[in-house]
N, C-alpha and C. Protein backbone atom coordinates (compact mmCIF):
# COMPACT_ATOMS: atom_id res chain seq x y z
N MET A 1 149.61 57.41 121.23
CA MET A 1 150.01 58.66 121.87
C MET A 1 151.04 59.41 121.03
N MET A 2 151.80 58.69 120.21
CA MET A 2 152.84 59.34 119.40
C MET A 2 152.22 60.21 118.31
N LEU A 3 150.95 60.02 118.03
CA LEU A 3 150.31 60.79 116.97
C LEU A 3 149.52 61.99 117.50
N VAL A 4 149.59 62.25 118.80
CA VAL A 4 148.85 63.38 119.38
C VAL A 4 149.29 64.70 118.74
N LEU A 5 150.59 64.87 118.57
CA LEU A 5 151.08 66.13 117.99
C LEU A 5 150.54 66.37 116.58
N PRO A 6 150.66 65.40 115.63
CA PRO A 6 150.08 65.67 114.30
C PRO A 6 148.56 65.82 114.33
N ILE A 7 147.89 65.13 115.24
CA ILE A 7 146.43 65.27 115.35
C ILE A 7 146.08 66.70 115.74
N VAL A 8 146.71 67.20 116.79
CA VAL A 8 146.40 68.54 117.30
C VAL A 8 146.84 69.62 116.30
N VAL A 9 148.04 69.50 115.76
CA VAL A 9 148.54 70.53 114.83
C VAL A 9 147.70 70.57 113.56
N SER A 10 147.33 69.41 113.03
CA SER A 10 146.49 69.42 111.81
C SER A 10 145.11 70.00 112.11
N ALA A 11 144.57 69.70 113.29
CA ALA A 11 143.26 70.28 113.65
C ALA A 11 143.35 71.80 113.76
N VAL A 12 144.38 72.28 114.40
CA VAL A 12 144.56 73.74 114.53
C VAL A 12 144.75 74.37 113.15
N ALA A 13 145.53 73.73 112.30
CA ALA A 13 145.76 74.28 110.95
C ALA A 13 144.47 74.34 110.15
N VAL A 14 143.68 73.27 110.17
CA VAL A 14 142.40 73.26 109.43
C VAL A 14 141.46 74.30 110.03
N PHE A 15 141.40 74.40 111.35
CA PHE A 15 140.54 75.37 112.02
C PHE A 15 140.89 76.80 111.57
N LEU A 16 142.19 77.12 111.54
CA LEU A 16 142.61 78.46 111.14
C LEU A 16 142.34 78.73 109.66
N VAL A 17 142.62 77.77 108.81
CA VAL A 17 142.38 77.95 107.37
C VAL A 17 140.89 78.09 107.09
N SER A 18 140.07 77.28 107.76
CA SER A 18 138.62 77.38 107.54
C SER A 18 138.10 78.74 108.01
N GLY A 19 138.63 79.23 109.12
CA GLY A 19 138.25 80.57 109.58
C GLY A 19 138.62 81.64 108.58
N PHE A 20 139.82 81.52 108.02
CA PHE A 20 140.26 82.46 107.00
C PHE A 20 139.34 82.41 105.78
N LEU A 21 139.03 81.19 105.29
CA LEU A 21 138.18 81.06 104.11
C LEU A 21 136.79 81.67 104.33
N HIS A 22 136.24 81.48 105.54
CA HIS A 22 134.88 81.94 105.79
C HIS A 22 134.79 83.41 106.21
N MET A 23 135.85 83.93 106.82
CA MET A 23 135.74 85.30 107.34
C MET A 23 136.56 86.33 106.57
N ALA A 24 137.65 85.92 105.96
CA ALA A 24 138.54 86.91 105.34
C ALA A 24 138.49 86.89 103.82
N THR A 25 137.75 85.97 103.24
CA THR A 25 137.65 85.92 101.77
C THR A 25 136.17 85.96 101.38
N PRO A 26 135.88 86.29 100.15
CA PRO A 26 134.49 86.29 99.69
C PRO A 26 133.99 84.90 99.27
N TRP A 27 134.80 83.86 99.42
CA TRP A 27 134.52 82.51 98.93
C TRP A 27 133.14 82.00 99.35
N HIS A 28 132.73 82.20 100.61
CA HIS A 28 131.45 81.66 101.08
C HIS A 28 130.39 82.74 101.34
N ARG A 29 130.67 83.97 100.97
CA ARG A 29 129.72 85.05 101.27
C ARG A 29 128.37 84.88 100.57
N GLY A 30 128.34 84.26 99.41
CA GLY A 30 127.08 84.10 98.69
C GLY A 30 126.40 82.76 98.90
N ASP A 31 126.80 82.02 99.94
CA ASP A 31 126.24 80.68 100.16
C ASP A 31 124.74 80.71 100.49
N PHE A 32 124.29 81.76 101.13
CA PHE A 32 122.86 81.90 101.46
C PHE A 32 122.32 83.11 100.73
N LYS A 33 121.20 82.90 100.06
CA LYS A 33 120.58 84.00 99.32
C LYS A 33 119.83 84.91 100.28
N LYS A 34 119.73 86.17 99.93
CA LYS A 34 118.96 87.14 100.71
C LYS A 34 117.56 87.24 100.11
N LEU A 35 116.58 87.15 100.97
CA LEU A 35 115.20 87.30 100.51
C LEU A 35 114.92 88.77 100.19
N PRO A 36 114.19 89.05 99.12
CA PRO A 36 113.89 90.44 98.79
C PRO A 36 112.95 91.08 99.81
N ASN A 37 112.16 90.26 100.49
CA ASN A 37 111.19 90.79 101.46
C ASN A 37 111.43 90.18 102.84
N GLU A 38 112.69 90.13 103.26
CA GLU A 38 113.09 89.48 104.51
C GLU A 38 112.33 90.02 105.72
N ASP A 39 112.22 91.32 105.85
CA ASP A 39 111.54 91.89 107.03
C ASP A 39 110.07 91.52 107.06
N ALA A 40 109.39 91.58 105.92
CA ALA A 40 107.97 91.22 105.88
C ALA A 40 107.77 89.75 106.21
N LEU A 41 108.62 88.89 105.67
CA LEU A 41 108.50 87.45 105.96
C LEU A 41 108.79 87.19 107.43
N ALA A 42 109.82 87.79 107.99
CA ALA A 42 110.15 87.61 109.41
C ALA A 42 109.00 88.07 110.30
N ASP A 43 108.38 89.22 109.96
CA ASP A 43 107.24 89.71 110.73
C ASP A 43 106.06 88.75 110.65
N ALA A 44 105.83 88.16 109.48
CA ALA A 44 104.71 87.22 109.31
C ALA A 44 104.98 85.90 110.05
N LEU A 45 106.22 85.47 110.12
CA LEU A 45 106.55 84.19 110.76
C LEU A 45 106.63 84.27 112.28
N ARG A 46 107.01 85.43 112.80
CA ARG A 46 107.24 85.57 114.24
C ARG A 46 106.08 85.05 115.10
N PRO A 47 104.82 85.35 114.79
CA PRO A 47 103.73 84.85 115.66
C PRO A 47 103.52 83.33 115.59
N VAL A 48 103.98 82.68 114.53
CA VAL A 48 103.75 81.24 114.38
C VAL A 48 105.06 80.45 114.37
N LEU A 49 106.15 81.08 114.76
CA LEU A 49 107.46 80.46 114.69
C LEU A 49 107.54 79.23 115.58
N PRO A 50 107.92 78.10 115.02
CA PRO A 50 108.07 76.90 115.84
C PRO A 50 109.35 76.96 116.67
N PRO A 51 109.50 76.06 117.62
CA PRO A 51 110.74 76.04 118.40
C PRO A 51 111.93 75.66 117.50
N PRO A 52 113.15 75.95 117.96
CA PRO A 52 114.32 75.60 117.15
C PRO A 52 114.29 74.13 116.72
N GLY A 53 114.68 73.91 115.46
CA GLY A 53 114.70 72.55 114.92
C GLY A 53 114.67 72.58 113.41
N ASP A 54 114.62 71.40 112.81
CA ASP A 54 114.56 71.25 111.36
C ASP A 54 113.14 70.93 110.94
N TYR A 55 112.67 71.57 109.88
CA TYR A 55 111.29 71.44 109.45
C TYR A 55 111.18 71.24 107.95
N LEU A 56 110.05 70.68 107.55
CA LEU A 56 109.73 70.45 106.16
C LEU A 56 108.29 70.88 105.93
N ILE A 57 108.07 71.68 104.89
CA ILE A 57 106.72 72.09 104.50
C ILE A 57 106.53 71.68 103.05
N PRO A 58 105.49 70.94 102.73
CA PRO A 58 104.52 70.34 103.64
C PRO A 58 105.15 69.21 104.44
N ALA A 59 104.60 69.01 105.64
CA ALA A 59 105.16 68.00 106.55
C ALA A 59 105.07 66.61 105.94
N GLN A 60 106.09 65.82 106.21
CA GLN A 60 106.15 64.45 105.70
C GLN A 60 105.00 63.64 106.30
N PRO A 61 104.17 63.02 105.46
CA PRO A 61 103.09 62.20 105.99
C PRO A 61 103.62 60.90 106.59
N GLY A 62 102.84 60.31 107.50
CA GLY A 62 103.25 59.09 108.17
C GLY A 62 103.17 57.85 107.30
N GLY A 63 102.49 57.91 106.21
CA GLY A 63 102.36 56.77 105.31
C GLY A 63 101.49 57.15 104.12
N ARG A 64 101.22 56.17 103.25
CA ARG A 64 100.44 56.47 102.04
C ARG A 64 99.02 56.91 102.36
N ALA A 65 98.39 56.25 103.32
CA ALA A 65 97.01 56.61 103.67
C ALA A 65 96.95 58.04 104.19
N GLU A 66 97.88 58.39 105.07
CA GLU A 66 97.91 59.76 105.61
C GLU A 66 98.23 60.77 104.51
N ALA A 67 99.08 60.39 103.58
CA ALA A 67 99.42 61.29 102.47
C ALA A 67 98.18 61.60 101.64
N ARG A 68 97.38 60.57 101.36
CA ARG A 68 96.15 60.81 100.60
C ARG A 68 95.15 61.63 101.41
N ALA A 69 94.98 61.29 102.67
CA ALA A 69 94.00 61.98 103.52
C ALA A 69 94.38 63.44 103.76
N SER A 70 95.67 63.73 103.84
CA SER A 70 96.09 65.10 104.14
C SER A 70 96.22 65.96 102.89
N GLY A 71 96.10 65.35 101.72
CA GLY A 71 96.27 66.12 100.49
C GLY A 71 97.71 66.52 100.26
N PHE A 72 98.64 65.68 100.68
CA PHE A 72 100.08 66.00 100.61
C PHE A 72 100.50 66.38 99.19
N ALA A 73 100.10 65.60 98.21
CA ALA A 73 100.52 65.87 96.82
C ALA A 73 100.03 67.25 96.37
N GLU A 74 98.80 67.59 96.72
CA GLU A 74 98.26 68.89 96.34
C GLU A 74 99.00 70.02 97.06
N LYS A 75 99.28 69.84 98.34
CA LYS A 75 100.04 70.85 99.09
C LYS A 75 101.43 71.03 98.46
N TYR A 76 102.03 69.92 98.05
CA TYR A 76 103.35 69.97 97.44
C TYR A 76 103.31 70.72 96.11
N ARG A 77 102.29 70.43 95.31
CA ARG A 77 102.14 71.13 94.01
C ARG A 77 101.88 72.62 94.20
N ARG A 78 101.04 72.95 95.17
CA ARG A 78 100.64 74.33 95.40
C ARG A 78 101.78 75.17 96.00
N GLY A 79 102.62 74.51 96.85
CA GLY A 79 103.73 75.22 97.48
C GLY A 79 103.29 76.12 98.61
N PRO A 80 104.16 76.72 99.31
CA PRO A 80 105.60 76.60 99.16
C PRO A 80 106.11 75.24 99.67
N VAL A 81 107.21 74.79 99.09
CA VAL A 81 107.89 73.59 99.54
C VAL A 81 109.21 74.07 100.13
N MET A 82 109.42 73.76 101.41
CA MET A 82 110.61 74.28 102.10
C MET A 82 111.20 73.26 103.05
N VAL A 83 112.50 73.26 103.12
CA VAL A 83 113.25 72.60 104.17
C VAL A 83 113.97 73.73 104.88
N PHE A 84 113.77 73.85 106.19
CA PHE A 84 114.40 74.97 106.88
C PHE A 84 114.74 74.61 108.31
N THR A 85 115.69 75.37 108.84
CA THR A 85 116.13 75.21 110.21
C THR A 85 115.81 76.49 110.96
N VAL A 86 115.18 76.34 112.11
CA VAL A 86 114.91 77.48 112.98
C VAL A 86 115.96 77.47 114.08
N LEU A 87 116.69 78.57 114.19
CA LEU A 87 117.70 78.73 115.24
C LEU A 87 117.09 79.52 116.39
N PRO A 88 117.66 79.40 117.58
CA PRO A 88 117.14 80.20 118.69
C PRO A 88 117.32 81.69 118.41
N PRO A 89 116.30 82.50 118.65
CA PRO A 89 116.44 83.94 118.41
C PRO A 89 117.40 84.56 119.43
N GLY A 90 118.06 85.62 119.00
CA GLY A 90 118.89 86.40 119.91
C GLY A 90 120.32 85.90 120.06
N GLU A 91 120.61 84.69 119.62
CA GLU A 91 121.97 84.16 119.76
C GLU A 91 122.83 84.56 118.57
N THR A 92 123.84 85.37 118.80
CA THR A 92 124.75 85.72 117.72
C THR A 92 126.18 85.35 118.06
N ALA A 93 126.42 84.89 119.28
CA ALA A 93 127.79 84.52 119.69
C ALA A 93 128.27 83.32 118.89
N MET A 94 129.50 83.37 118.46
CA MET A 94 130.09 82.29 117.67
C MET A 94 130.89 81.31 118.53
N THR A 95 130.94 81.53 119.84
CA THR A 95 131.76 80.70 120.71
C THR A 95 131.39 79.23 120.63
N ARG A 96 130.12 78.91 120.78
CA ARG A 96 129.69 77.50 120.77
C ARG A 96 129.93 76.84 119.41
N PRO A 97 129.48 77.45 118.28
CA PRO A 97 129.76 76.81 117.00
C PRO A 97 131.25 76.64 116.70
N LEU A 98 132.06 77.63 117.07
CA LEU A 98 133.50 77.52 116.84
C LEU A 98 134.11 76.42 117.70
N ALA A 99 133.67 76.31 118.94
CA ALA A 99 134.17 75.24 119.82
C ALA A 99 133.77 73.87 119.27
N LEU A 100 132.52 73.74 118.84
CA LEU A 100 132.07 72.47 118.26
C LEU A 100 132.81 72.16 116.96
N TRP A 101 133.08 73.16 116.15
CA TRP A 101 133.83 72.96 114.91
C TRP A 101 135.25 72.47 115.25
N PHE A 102 135.88 73.06 116.28
CA PHE A 102 137.22 72.62 116.64
C PHE A 102 137.20 71.17 117.14
N VAL A 103 136.22 70.82 117.94
CA VAL A 103 136.09 69.42 118.40
C VAL A 103 135.94 68.50 117.19
N TYR A 104 135.15 68.94 116.21
CA TYR A 104 134.95 68.14 115.00
C TYR A 104 136.25 67.97 114.22
N VAL A 105 137.00 69.05 113.98
CA VAL A 105 138.24 68.93 113.22
C VAL A 105 139.27 68.09 113.99
N LEU A 106 139.24 68.17 115.30
CA LEU A 106 140.10 67.32 116.12
C LEU A 106 139.72 65.85 115.94
N ALA A 107 138.42 65.57 115.92
CA ALA A 107 137.94 64.19 115.72
C ALA A 107 138.31 63.69 114.32
N VAL A 108 138.21 64.55 113.31
CA VAL A 108 138.59 64.16 111.95
C VAL A 108 140.08 63.82 111.90
N SER A 109 140.90 64.63 112.53
CA SER A 109 142.34 64.36 112.54
C SER A 109 142.65 63.06 113.29
N ALA A 110 141.93 62.82 114.37
CA ALA A 110 142.12 61.56 115.11
C ALA A 110 141.69 60.37 114.24
N LEU A 111 140.61 60.53 113.49
CA LEU A 111 140.15 59.49 112.57
C LEU A 111 141.22 59.22 111.50
N ALA A 112 141.79 60.28 110.97
CA ALA A 112 142.84 60.13 109.96
C ALA A 112 144.04 59.36 110.55
N ALA A 113 144.37 59.64 111.80
CA ALA A 113 145.47 58.92 112.46
C ALA A 113 145.12 57.45 112.62
N LEU A 114 143.87 57.16 112.98
CA LEU A 114 143.44 55.77 113.13
C LEU A 114 143.50 55.01 111.80
N VAL A 115 143.16 55.70 110.71
CA VAL A 115 143.19 55.06 109.39
C VAL A 115 144.63 54.77 108.98
N ALA A 116 145.53 55.72 109.18
CA ALA A 116 146.91 55.57 108.71
C ALA A 116 147.79 54.79 109.69
N GLY A 117 147.45 54.83 110.95
CA GLY A 117 148.29 54.23 111.99
C GLY A 117 148.77 52.82 111.73
N PRO A 118 147.88 51.89 111.39
CA PRO A 118 148.34 50.51 111.21
C PRO A 118 149.19 50.28 109.95
N VAL A 119 149.01 51.10 108.93
CA VAL A 119 149.67 50.88 107.64
C VAL A 119 150.97 51.67 107.51
N ALA A 120 150.96 52.91 107.93
CA ALA A 120 152.07 53.83 107.68
C ALA A 120 153.43 53.35 108.18
N PRO A 121 153.53 52.71 109.35
CA PRO A 121 154.87 52.26 109.78
C PRO A 121 155.50 51.26 108.79
N HIS A 122 154.68 50.50 108.09
CA HIS A 122 155.18 49.51 107.14
C HIS A 122 155.37 50.09 105.74
N TYR A 123 154.67 51.17 105.45
CA TYR A 123 154.74 51.78 104.12
C TYR A 123 154.59 53.30 104.27
N PRO A 124 155.66 53.99 104.69
CA PRO A 124 155.58 55.44 104.96
C PRO A 124 155.00 56.31 103.85
N PRO A 125 155.18 55.97 102.55
CA PRO A 125 154.57 56.83 101.52
C PRO A 125 153.04 56.89 101.61
N SER A 126 152.44 55.96 102.34
CA SER A 126 150.97 55.95 102.44
C SER A 126 150.44 56.99 103.43
N ILE A 127 151.29 57.61 104.22
CA ILE A 127 150.84 58.56 105.24
C ILE A 127 150.00 59.68 104.62
N LEU A 128 150.55 60.34 103.60
CA LEU A 128 149.82 61.44 102.97
C LEU A 128 148.51 60.94 102.36
N HIS A 129 148.58 59.88 101.61
CA HIS A 129 147.39 59.36 100.93
C HIS A 129 146.29 59.00 101.93
N LEU A 130 146.62 58.24 102.94
CA LEU A 130 145.59 57.75 103.88
C LEU A 130 145.02 58.87 104.75
N THR A 131 145.88 59.72 105.29
CA THR A 131 145.37 60.78 106.17
C THR A 131 144.60 61.83 105.39
N ALA A 132 145.10 62.21 104.21
CA ALA A 132 144.39 63.22 103.40
C ALA A 132 143.04 62.68 102.93
N MET A 133 143.01 61.42 102.49
CA MET A 133 141.75 60.84 102.00
C MET A 133 140.74 60.67 103.13
N ALA A 134 141.18 60.20 104.28
CA ALA A 134 140.26 60.04 105.42
C ALA A 134 139.69 61.40 105.83
N ALA A 135 140.55 62.42 105.91
CA ALA A 135 140.07 63.75 106.29
C ALA A 135 139.13 64.31 105.23
N PHE A 136 139.50 64.18 103.96
CA PHE A 136 138.63 64.67 102.88
C PHE A 136 137.24 64.04 102.98
N LEU A 137 137.19 62.73 103.14
CA LEU A 137 135.89 62.05 103.21
C LEU A 137 135.08 62.53 104.42
N ALA A 138 135.75 62.73 105.54
CA ALA A 138 135.04 63.20 106.73
C ALA A 138 134.48 64.61 106.54
N TYR A 139 135.22 65.45 105.84
CA TYR A 139 134.76 66.83 105.64
C TYR A 139 133.75 66.97 104.51
N ALA A 140 133.77 66.08 103.52
CA ALA A 140 132.97 66.31 102.30
C ALA A 140 131.80 65.36 102.09
N ALA A 141 131.87 64.15 102.55
CA ALA A 141 130.92 63.12 102.12
C ALA A 141 129.45 63.48 102.38
N ALA A 142 129.13 63.96 103.54
CA ALA A 142 127.72 64.22 103.87
C ALA A 142 127.14 65.44 103.16
N LEU A 143 127.99 66.32 102.66
CA LEU A 143 127.49 67.52 101.98
C LEU A 143 126.60 67.15 100.80
N TRP A 144 126.99 66.13 100.07
CA TRP A 144 126.26 65.75 98.87
C TRP A 144 124.92 65.11 99.20
N GLN A 145 124.82 64.44 100.34
CA GLN A 145 123.51 63.90 100.74
C GLN A 145 122.51 65.02 100.94
N GLN A 146 122.93 66.10 101.57
CA GLN A 146 122.04 67.24 101.77
C GLN A 146 121.62 67.86 100.44
N THR A 147 122.54 67.90 99.49
CA THR A 147 122.25 68.46 98.17
C THR A 147 121.30 67.55 97.40
N ILE A 148 121.53 66.26 97.47
CA ILE A 148 120.70 65.31 96.74
C ILE A 148 119.29 65.25 97.31
N TRP A 149 119.16 65.09 98.60
CA TRP A 149 117.84 64.87 99.20
C TRP A 149 117.09 66.15 99.52
N PHE A 150 117.78 67.21 99.90
CA PHE A 150 117.09 68.42 100.34
C PHE A 150 117.34 69.61 99.43
N ARG A 151 117.90 69.32 98.27
CA ARG A 151 118.11 70.33 97.23
C ARG A 151 118.90 71.54 97.71
N ARG A 152 119.84 71.30 98.60
CA ARG A 152 120.76 72.36 98.98
C ARG A 152 121.53 72.75 97.73
N SER A 153 122.08 73.88 97.69
CA SER A 153 122.75 74.41 96.51
C SER A 153 123.92 73.53 96.07
N TRP A 154 123.95 73.18 94.77
CA TRP A 154 125.06 72.42 94.21
C TRP A 154 126.34 73.26 94.26
N VAL A 155 126.22 74.54 94.05
CA VAL A 155 127.39 75.42 94.08
C VAL A 155 128.00 75.44 95.48
N VAL A 156 127.14 75.54 96.51
CA VAL A 156 127.64 75.55 97.88
C VAL A 156 128.29 74.20 98.21
N ALA A 157 127.66 73.11 97.78
CA ALA A 157 128.25 71.78 98.03
C ALA A 157 129.59 71.64 97.33
N LEU A 158 129.70 72.15 96.11
CA LEU A 158 130.96 72.08 95.38
C LEU A 158 132.04 72.93 96.05
N LYS A 159 131.68 74.14 96.47
CA LYS A 159 132.66 74.99 97.16
C LYS A 159 133.11 74.33 98.46
N SER A 160 132.17 73.75 99.19
CA SER A 160 132.52 73.09 100.45
C SER A 160 133.35 71.83 100.20
N THR A 161 133.11 71.16 99.07
CA THR A 161 133.93 70.00 98.70
C THR A 161 135.35 70.45 98.37
N LEU A 162 135.49 71.57 97.70
CA LEU A 162 136.84 72.11 97.44
C LEU A 162 137.52 72.50 98.74
N ASP A 163 136.76 73.05 99.69
CA ASP A 163 137.31 73.32 101.02
C ASP A 163 137.82 72.01 101.63
N ALA A 164 137.04 70.94 101.48
CA ALA A 164 137.40 69.64 102.05
C ALA A 164 138.67 69.09 101.42
N VAL A 165 138.87 69.34 100.12
CA VAL A 165 140.12 68.93 99.48
C VAL A 165 141.29 69.64 100.16
N LEU A 166 141.14 70.95 100.36
CA LEU A 166 142.18 71.73 101.02
C LEU A 166 142.42 71.23 102.45
N TYR A 167 141.34 71.03 103.21
CA TYR A 167 141.47 70.55 104.59
C TYR A 167 142.13 69.16 104.63
N GLY A 168 141.77 68.30 103.68
CA GLY A 168 142.38 66.98 103.61
C GLY A 168 143.88 67.07 103.33
N LEU A 169 144.24 67.92 102.38
CA LEU A 169 145.66 68.10 102.05
C LEU A 169 146.44 68.68 103.22
N ILE A 170 145.85 69.63 103.90
CA ILE A 170 146.51 70.20 105.09
C ILE A 170 146.72 69.10 106.13
N THR A 171 145.68 68.33 106.39
CA THR A 171 145.79 67.24 107.36
C THR A 171 146.89 66.27 106.95
N GLY A 172 146.87 65.84 105.69
CA GLY A 172 147.88 64.90 105.21
C GLY A 172 149.29 65.45 105.30
N CYS A 173 149.47 66.70 104.91
CA CYS A 173 150.81 67.30 104.94
C CYS A 173 151.33 67.43 106.37
N VAL A 174 150.47 67.82 107.29
CA VAL A 174 150.90 67.92 108.70
C VAL A 174 151.30 66.54 109.22
N PHE A 175 150.54 65.50 108.88
CA PHE A 175 150.89 64.16 109.32
C PHE A 175 152.22 63.70 108.73
N VAL A 176 152.47 64.00 107.46
CA VAL A 176 153.76 63.65 106.86
C VAL A 176 154.88 64.37 107.60
N TRP A 177 154.69 65.65 107.87
CA TRP A 177 155.69 66.48 108.53
C TRP A 177 155.98 65.99 109.96
N LEU A 178 154.92 65.64 110.72
CA LEU A 178 155.09 65.33 112.14
C LEU A 178 154.97 63.85 112.48
N TRP A 179 154.92 63.00 111.46
CA TRP A 179 154.79 61.56 111.73
C TRP A 179 156.02 61.08 112.51
N PRO A 180 155.82 60.32 113.58
CA PRO A 180 156.98 59.82 114.35
C PRO A 180 157.90 58.96 113.49
N ARG A 181 159.17 59.17 113.58
CA ARG A 181 160.15 58.42 112.80
C ARG A 181 160.71 57.27 113.60
């Protein structure tokens, strides 16, 4: 319970800094490319649009036999090859994603407290190291899996990893500042 204050303050600080980075700076504005024929593609997809979810084209076969029978390799060679997410149409409100992001940053800060809690009372210099590293790993680690397996942009993953360094440092510094004495 003594770590509630650094958990909440670090979460609020990361939430505000991330909002600033995404909304008030050009840092993430180029993360998604604009299609040259966006309207034509949207018009063509609308009649066959699947429900919200994550999709892969060509669809992953169930096994080697199905891959051969479905011509998966030929479909892959011919293209298009896409990994995409369909969002519900008409939703532009940011309330839900922002609330979920805040819950996430709160959970990351709580995780950082759990990592540092048993060690820090015996070795106070470890507070910054443990909390910053735990937060950094929570914010950055999965980004690279998406880049490796689904060919997400390396530049976007690198920028988001740099964001994670900043978020980790903010978390660590707040914990050092507000750690119970």
